[in-house]
Protein backbone atom coordinates (compact mmCIF):
# COMPACT_ATOMS: atom_id res chain seq x y z
CA MET A 1 185.11 203.78 341.87
CA LEU A 2 188.83 203.68 340.93
CA LYS A 3 189.31 206.49 343.66
CA THR A 4 187.64 204.29 346.24
CA ILE A 5 189.63 201.01 345.37
CA PHE A 6 192.96 203.05 345.29
CA LYS A 7 192.55 205.25 348.34
CA TYR A 8 193.15 202.87 350.93
CA PRO A 9 196.55 201.21 349.45
CA THR A 10 197.79 204.93 348.93
CA ASN A 11 197.31 205.60 352.61
CA ILE A 12 198.95 202.24 353.54
CA LEU A 13 202.01 202.95 351.69
CA GLY A 14 202.21 206.44 353.21
CA LEU A 15 201.85 204.98 356.56
CA ILE A 16 204.72 202.49 355.78
CA LEU A 17 207.07 205.20 354.68
CA VAL A 18 206.39 207.18 357.84
CA VAL A 19 207.22 204.06 359.89
CA LEU A 20 210.49 203.50 357.90
CA LEU A 21 211.54 207.00 358.57
CA ILE A 22 210.76 206.89 362.28
CA ALA A 23 212.67 203.34 362.37
CA LEU A 24 215.57 204.85 360.67
CA PHE A 25 215.79 208.09 362.76
CA ALA A 26 215.86 206.16 366.05
CA GLY A 27 218.53 203.87 364.60
CA CYS A 28 220.61 206.97 363.89
CA GLN A 29 219.85 208.01 367.65
CA GLN A 30 220.82 204.86 368.71
CA GLU A 31 223.79 204.66 367.01
CA GLN A 32 224.82 208.12 368.09
CA ALA A 33 224.32 207.24 371.90
CA GLU A 34 226.35 204.10 371.31
CA ASP A 35 229.23 206.24 369.98
CA GLN A 36 229.16 208.59 372.70
CA LEU A 37 230.11 205.54 375.05
CA PHE A 38 233.31 205.40 373.44
CA LEU A 39 236.49 207.58 374.22
CA GLU A 40 239.15 208.96 371.84
CA ASP A 41 241.31 206.21 373.47
CA GLY A 42 239.10 203.49 372.30
CA SER A 43 238.06 202.61 376.05
CA ILE A 44 234.42 202.76 377.02
CA LYS A 45 232.98 205.57 379.23
CA PRO A 46 232.29 204.39 382.82
CA ARG A 47 228.79 204.07 383.79
CA VAL A 48 228.21 206.13 386.85
CA ILE A 49 225.04 206.55 389.20
CA THR A 50 224.54 208.84 391.83
CA THR A 51 221.61 209.85 394.09
CA VAL A 52 221.11 213.45 395.24
CA SER A 53 222.07 216.44 392.99
CA PRO A 54 224.96 217.68 394.99
CA ILE A 55 226.63 214.29 394.67
CA THR A 56 225.87 214.18 391.05
CA SER A 57 227.44 217.69 390.60
CA ILE A 58 230.65 216.76 392.57
CA VAL A 59 231.12 213.39 390.75
CA GLU A 60 230.69 215.25 387.15
CA ALA A 61 233.23 217.83 388.46
CA VAL A 62 235.89 215.17 388.67
CA GLY A 63 234.49 212.61 385.84
CA GLY A 64 233.85 215.08 383.18
CA GLU A 65 233.32 214.00 379.72
CA ARG A 66 235.00 210.74 380.23
CA ILE A 67 231.94 209.25 382.23
CA THR A 68 228.32 208.75 381.55
CA LEU A 69 226.46 209.97 384.52
CA LYS A 70 222.86 209.70 385.79
CA GLY A 71 221.45 210.99 389.16
CA ILE A 72 218.42 209.01 390.35
CA VAL A 73 216.80 211.43 393.07
CA PRO A 74 214.55 214.22 391.79
CA GLU A 75 215.20 217.71 393.14
CA GLY A 76 212.46 218.87 395.28
CA VAL A 77 211.69 215.54 396.93
CA ASN A 78 212.80 214.13 400.37
CA SER A 79 215.77 212.29 399.81
CA HIS A 80 215.43 210.50 403.10
CA THR A 81 212.23 208.83 402.11
CA PHE A 82 212.45 208.80 398.21
CA ASP A 83 211.58 205.48 396.92
CA PRO A 84 213.02 204.86 393.34
CA PRO A 85 210.63 203.73 390.54
CA PRO A 86 211.10 200.29 389.52
CA SER A 87 212.87 201.44 386.30
CA THR A 88 215.89 202.47 388.16
CA ALA A 89 216.75 198.99 388.71
CA ILE A 90 217.99 199.02 385.19
CA ALA A 91 220.00 201.91 385.75
CA PHE A 92 221.75 200.05 388.68
CA SER A 93 222.13 196.79 386.82
CA ASN A 94 224.08 198.57 383.84
CA ALA A 95 226.22 200.66 386.34
CA ASP A 96 229.90 200.12 386.67
CA ILE A 97 230.06 202.32 389.82
CA ILE A 98 227.47 203.58 391.99
CA PHE A 99 228.24 206.52 394.49
CA LEU A 100 225.97 207.25 397.21
CA ASN A 101 225.99 209.47 400.08
CA GLY A 102 225.35 206.79 402.66
CA LEU A 103 225.04 207.54 406.38
CA TYR A 104 221.47 206.30 406.03
CA LEU A 105 220.32 208.93 403.75
CA GLU A 106 219.08 206.82 400.60
CA GLU A 107 218.10 203.48 402.39
CA PRO A 108 215.44 202.70 399.58
CA ALA A 109 217.88 203.48 396.75
CA LEU A 110 220.74 201.75 398.67
CA ASP A 111 218.45 198.65 399.05
CA MET A 112 217.85 198.62 395.16
CA ALA A 113 221.08 199.09 394.14
CA LEU A 114 222.28 196.08 396.23
CA LYS A 115 219.67 193.93 394.69
CA ASN A 116 220.19 194.96 391.31
CA LYS A 117 223.85 195.85 390.57
CA ARG A 118 226.31 193.43 388.96
CA GLU A 119 228.47 191.72 391.05
CA GLU A 120 231.64 193.25 389.66
CA SER A 121 230.13 196.88 389.99
CA LYS A 122 231.21 198.77 392.88
CA MET A 123 229.14 200.61 395.26
CA VAL A 124 230.72 203.58 397.20
CA LEU A 125 229.25 205.47 400.33
CA LEU A 126 230.90 208.64 400.31
CA GLY A 127 229.75 209.86 403.72
CA ASN A 128 230.73 206.56 405.40
CA ARG A 129 234.17 206.83 403.86
CA THR A 130 234.78 210.51 404.61
CA LEU A 131 233.83 210.60 408.38
CA GLU A 132 234.36 208.11 410.95
CA LYS A 133 231.89 207.12 413.40
CA PRO A 134 233.19 209.36 416.28
CA ASN A 135 232.80 212.38 414.30
CA TRP A 136 228.96 211.60 413.43
CA ILE A 137 226.66 214.52 414.55
CA TYR A 138 223.54 213.51 416.15
CA ASP A 139 221.11 216.43 416.51
CA PHE A 140 217.62 217.49 416.60
CA SER A 141 216.28 215.20 413.71
CA PHE A 142 218.90 212.76 413.87
CA PRO A 143 218.72 211.62 417.80
CA GLU A 144 221.66 209.56 418.98
CA ALA A 145 219.27 207.11 420.29
CA GLN A 146 217.90 206.23 416.87
CA GLY A 147 221.53 205.33 415.68
CA VAL A 148 221.10 207.56 412.45
CA PRO A 149 223.59 210.30 412.20
CA ASN A 150 222.86 213.76 410.32
CA PRO A 151 224.08 212.74 406.89
CA HIS A 152 224.26 216.30 405.06
CA LEU A 153 228.05 216.42 405.12
CA TRP A 154 228.37 218.15 401.88
CA THR A 155 227.23 221.60 403.59
CA ASP A 156 230.93 221.63 404.73
CA PRO A 157 232.69 222.37 401.49
CA ILE A 158 235.88 220.64 403.01
CA LEU A 159 234.09 217.46 403.59
CA ALA A 160 232.68 217.81 400.16
CA LEU A 161 236.44 217.99 398.69
CA GLU A 162 236.84 214.61 400.47
CA TYR A 163 234.02 213.24 398.51
CA ALA A 164 235.71 214.54 395.40
CA LEU A 165 238.87 213.12 396.15
CA ILE A 166 237.40 209.61 396.80
CA VAL A 167 235.72 210.00 393.46
CA TYR A 168 239.00 210.73 391.68
CA GLU A 169 240.52 207.62 393.49
CA GLU A 170 237.67 205.40 392.37
CA LEU A 171 237.46 206.57 388.92
CA SER A 172 241.01 206.24 388.34
CA THR A 173 241.07 202.63 389.48
CA LEU A 174 237.95 201.65 387.28
CA ASP A 175 239.59 203.79 384.21
CA PRO A 176 243.42 203.86 384.60
CA LEU A 177 243.76 205.61 381.25
CA GLY A 178 241.67 208.48 382.60
CA GLU A 179 243.88 208.98 385.67
CA THR A 180 245.57 212.26 384.45
CA TYR A 181 242.19 213.74 383.33
CA TYR A 182 240.34 212.90 386.93
CA GLN A 183 243.40 214.24 388.56
CA SER A 184 243.49 217.65 386.59
CA ASN A 185 239.59 217.98 387.42
CA TYR A 186 239.98 217.30 391.06
CA LYS A 187 242.81 219.85 391.29
CA ASN A 188 240.76 222.53 389.93
CA PHE A 189 237.70 221.54 392.07
CA GLU A 190 239.97 221.82 394.90
CA ALA A 191 241.10 225.20 394.02
CA ARG A 192 237.65 226.25 393.69
CA ILE A 193 236.80 224.84 397.07
CA LEU A 194 239.54 226.38 398.92
CA ALA A 195 238.29 229.72 397.38
CA LEU A 196 234.83 229.21 398.54
CA ASP A 197 236.05 228.35 401.79
CA SER A 198 237.96 231.37 402.33
CA GLN A 199 235.00 233.84 401.08
CA ILE A 200 232.62 231.87 403.36
CA LYS A 201 235.05 232.86 406.29
CA ILE A 202 235.02 236.24 405.50
CA ALA A 203 231.48 236.57 405.01
CA VAL A 204 230.91 234.88 408.27
CA LEU A 205 233.01 237.14 410.18
CA SER A 206 230.92 240.20 408.94
CA ILE A 207 227.62 238.89 411.12
CA PRO A 208 227.40 240.16 414.16
CA GLU A 209 228.86 237.69 416.44
CA GLY A 210 225.29 237.31 418.51
CA ASN A 211 223.61 236.85 415.35
CA ARG A 212 225.52 233.68 414.30
CA LYS A 213 222.70 231.35 415.19
CA LEU A 214 220.56 228.84 412.90
CA LEU A 215 216.95 227.83 413.15
CA THR A 216 216.19 225.52 410.13
CA TYR A 217 213.23 223.75 409.11
CA HIS A 218 215.19 220.78 407.67
CA ASP A 219 217.94 219.72 409.64
CA SER A 220 220.88 220.09 406.88
CA PHE A 221 223.49 222.39 408.22
CA PRO A 222 225.26 221.04 411.47
CA TYR A 223 228.50 220.19 409.61
CA PHE A 224 228.36 223.59 407.79
CA ALA A 225 227.84 225.23 411.27
CA LYS A 226 230.74 223.32 413.11
CA ARG A 227 233.21 224.66 410.34
CA TYR A 228 232.12 228.22 410.33
CA GLY A 229 231.27 228.83 413.87
CA PHE A 230 227.41 229.02 413.97
CA ILE A 231 225.19 227.57 416.84
CA VAL A 232 222.04 225.41 415.33
CA ILE A 233 219.64 226.14 418.03
CA ALA A 234 217.08 224.00 416.60
CA ALA A 235 215.64 222.30 413.49
CA VAL A 236 211.79 222.29 413.33
CA GLN A 237 211.17 219.10 411.18
CA PRO A 238 210.82 215.93 413.67
CA SER A 239 212.92 213.01 413.08
CA ASP A 240 209.97 211.38 411.40
CA PHE A 241 209.79 214.00 408.85
CA THR A 242 206.26 215.04 409.99
CA GLU A 243 205.18 218.44 411.50
CA PRO A 244 205.90 219.41 415.07
CA SER A 245 203.11 219.32 417.57
CA ALA A 246 201.41 222.52 418.96
CA ARG A 247 203.33 222.15 422.01
CA GLU A 248 206.77 221.86 420.17
CA VAL A 249 205.96 224.88 418.03
CA ALA A 250 205.33 226.83 421.40
CA GLN A 251 208.67 225.95 422.60
CA LEU A 252 210.35 227.04 419.50
CA ILE A 253 208.57 230.32 419.60
CA ASP A 254 209.86 230.82 423.21
CA GLN A 255 213.50 229.84 422.16
CA VAL A 256 213.57 232.30 419.32
CA ARG A 257 212.60 235.02 421.61
CA LEU A 258 215.24 233.91 424.07
CA GLU A 259 218.09 233.64 421.49
CA LYS A 260 217.11 236.71 419.65
CA VAL A 261 217.71 235.50 416.17
CA PRO A 262 217.07 238.12 413.42
CA ALA A 263 215.74 235.51 411.02
CA ILE A 264 214.68 231.83 410.68
CA PHE A 265 215.20 229.67 407.48
CA GLY A 266 212.68 227.50 405.72
CA SER A 267 213.35 225.15 402.86
CA ASN A 268 212.29 225.58 399.29
CA ALA A 269 211.84 221.53 399.21
CA PHE A 270 209.97 221.37 402.53
CA PRO A 271 207.25 224.14 402.65
CA SER A 272 205.87 224.61 406.12
CA PRO A 273 203.04 227.06 407.37
CA VAL A 274 204.84 226.45 410.92
CA MET A 275 207.86 228.66 409.82
CA SER A 276 205.48 231.35 408.85
CA GLN A 277 203.68 231.03 412.34
CA ILE A 278 206.88 231.00 414.31
CA ALA A 279 208.27 234.22 412.25
CA GLN A 280 204.88 236.13 412.81
CA GLU A 281 204.58 235.34 416.68
CA THR A 282 208.18 236.79 417.09
CA GLU A 283 208.16 239.33 414.65
CA ILE A 284 211.34 238.27 412.76
CA SER A 285 212.32 237.56 409.17
CA PHE A 286 211.38 234.16 407.65
CA VAL A 287 213.55 233.12 404.86
CA ASP A 288 211.99 230.40 402.89
CA ASP A 289 214.46 229.82 400.07
CA LEU A 290 217.44 228.04 401.64
CA ARG A 291 218.16 224.91 399.61
CA ASP A 292 219.35 221.45 401.11
CA ASP A 293 220.22 219.44 398.24
CA ASP A 294 218.42 221.33 395.01
CA LEU A 295 220.82 223.15 392.80
CA PRO A 296 220.08 226.58 391.86
CA GLY A 297 218.82 227.38 388.33
CA GLY A 298 218.35 224.71 385.81
CA GLN A 299 220.75 222.28 384.07
CA GLY A 300 223.08 224.21 381.90
CA ASP A 301 223.08 227.38 383.82
CA ILE A 302 226.45 228.47 385.25
CA GLY A 303 225.34 228.29 389.02
CA HIS A 304 223.74 224.74 388.50
CA SER A 305 226.20 223.13 390.38
CA TYR A 306 227.54 221.96 393.96
CA LEU A 307 229.56 225.58 394.09
CA GLY A 308 226.43 227.27 393.09
CA LEU A 309 224.58 225.82 395.75
CA MET A 310 226.93 226.57 398.33
CA VAL A 311 227.16 230.29 397.17
CA GLU A 312 223.34 230.70 397.37
CA ASN A 313 222.90 229.38 400.55
CA VAL A 314 225.63 231.07 401.99
CA ARG A 315 224.53 234.31 400.60
CA THR A 316 220.99 233.76 402.00
CA ILE A 317 222.15 232.89 405.49
CA VAL A 318 224.89 235.68 405.86
CA MET A 319 222.51 238.58 404.28
CA ALA A 320 219.66 237.56 406.60
CA LEU A 321 221.62 237.72 409.62
CA GLY A 322 223.22 240.87 409.03
CA GLY A 323 226.35 240.27 407.22
CA ASP A 324 227.90 241.23 403.80
CA ALA A 325 227.92 238.77 401.26
CA GLN A 326 229.61 240.63 398.62
CA GLY A 327 232.69 238.48 398.30
CA LEU A 328 231.05 235.38 397.35
CA GLN A 329 230.37 236.88 393.76
CA TYR A 330 234.14 236.00 393.30
CA VAL A 331 233.64 232.27 393.54
CA ASP A 332 233.80 230.83 390.28
CA THR A 333 230.56 228.28 389.93
CA SER A 334 230.94 227.65 386.37
CA PRO A 335 231.73 224.25 385.03
CA ILE A 336 234.96 222.64 386.19
CA PHE A 337 236.08 220.89 383.00
CA GLU A 338 236.03 222.20 379.49
CA GLY A 339 233.45 220.46 377.08
CA LYS A 340 229.65 219.96 377.32
CA SER A 341 227.94 218.67 380.35
CA GLN A 342 226.23 215.27 379.50
CA VAL A 343 224.92 214.43 383.16
CA ILE A 344 221.26 213.17 383.41
CA TYR A 345 219.28 214.79 386.24
CA PRO A 346 215.89 213.13 386.87
């Protein structure tokens, strides 16, 4: 009888103890997180929000450990149509500065940011700042009649370097005590970009001139093509991001035969049976692992960076078109800054 009487109080005491321990642990975690917001000079780390992974990586390369950084567009989704969940509004409201690509890439995210950011926080559209309107590219999936340019500027490393310069300037304005640190990181990134650019040029020259043609599924590479002397003969995905019609596919097949390209390129984020059909009917190679804005590997891997993305894409293109990509192994894709990455990828 006594056992029955004291059984329940004992269980309740145990439960209370567990709850207290959990609360204590959570408090320690929160305190640790709050401590991480402060820098050694006593200033508070700028809270930075970005969108697609290449931009997140570029911002981290410059901001390093002096900023708290969170990307909001998951890899493997269509960044043109991605609609952030309602919880993202909190991140925008807490941000000190928000970096977007702009050029109409992330319209749902832009709309949410405008509605939820604090009045004093700044929003920076990197693509709009980098390229003036006369230099915008309109093409297959982004016809000029719709007024929306191709927004994938970062596939040209020199334009990506301009992104980094803007990030350095904006972070230095927001956090003047960190200007020297941001400048050092920017200079390191600049050196890496120039080395990458040089190796890409060497690799492209090894491709037979008649093979320097690109047919891709997602229309991501016009700025890359313009810099390195490729001709983009077509992009399969229509401007409304659906699948092409049977008639359009037949036209693409005829064009591939006419151009005599050795390979066509699909996207790891946009799998499509249409590409396999085109490759089968034209008896050419179909390379389906080209990346648009998905960084290679996982967070913490050496190549999980903008530089790693470009190296992997260029290696894929060059080898499929009959060139030599060995020089790309000398491009350093490791972190730009010393210390541990603290970026949050969704």
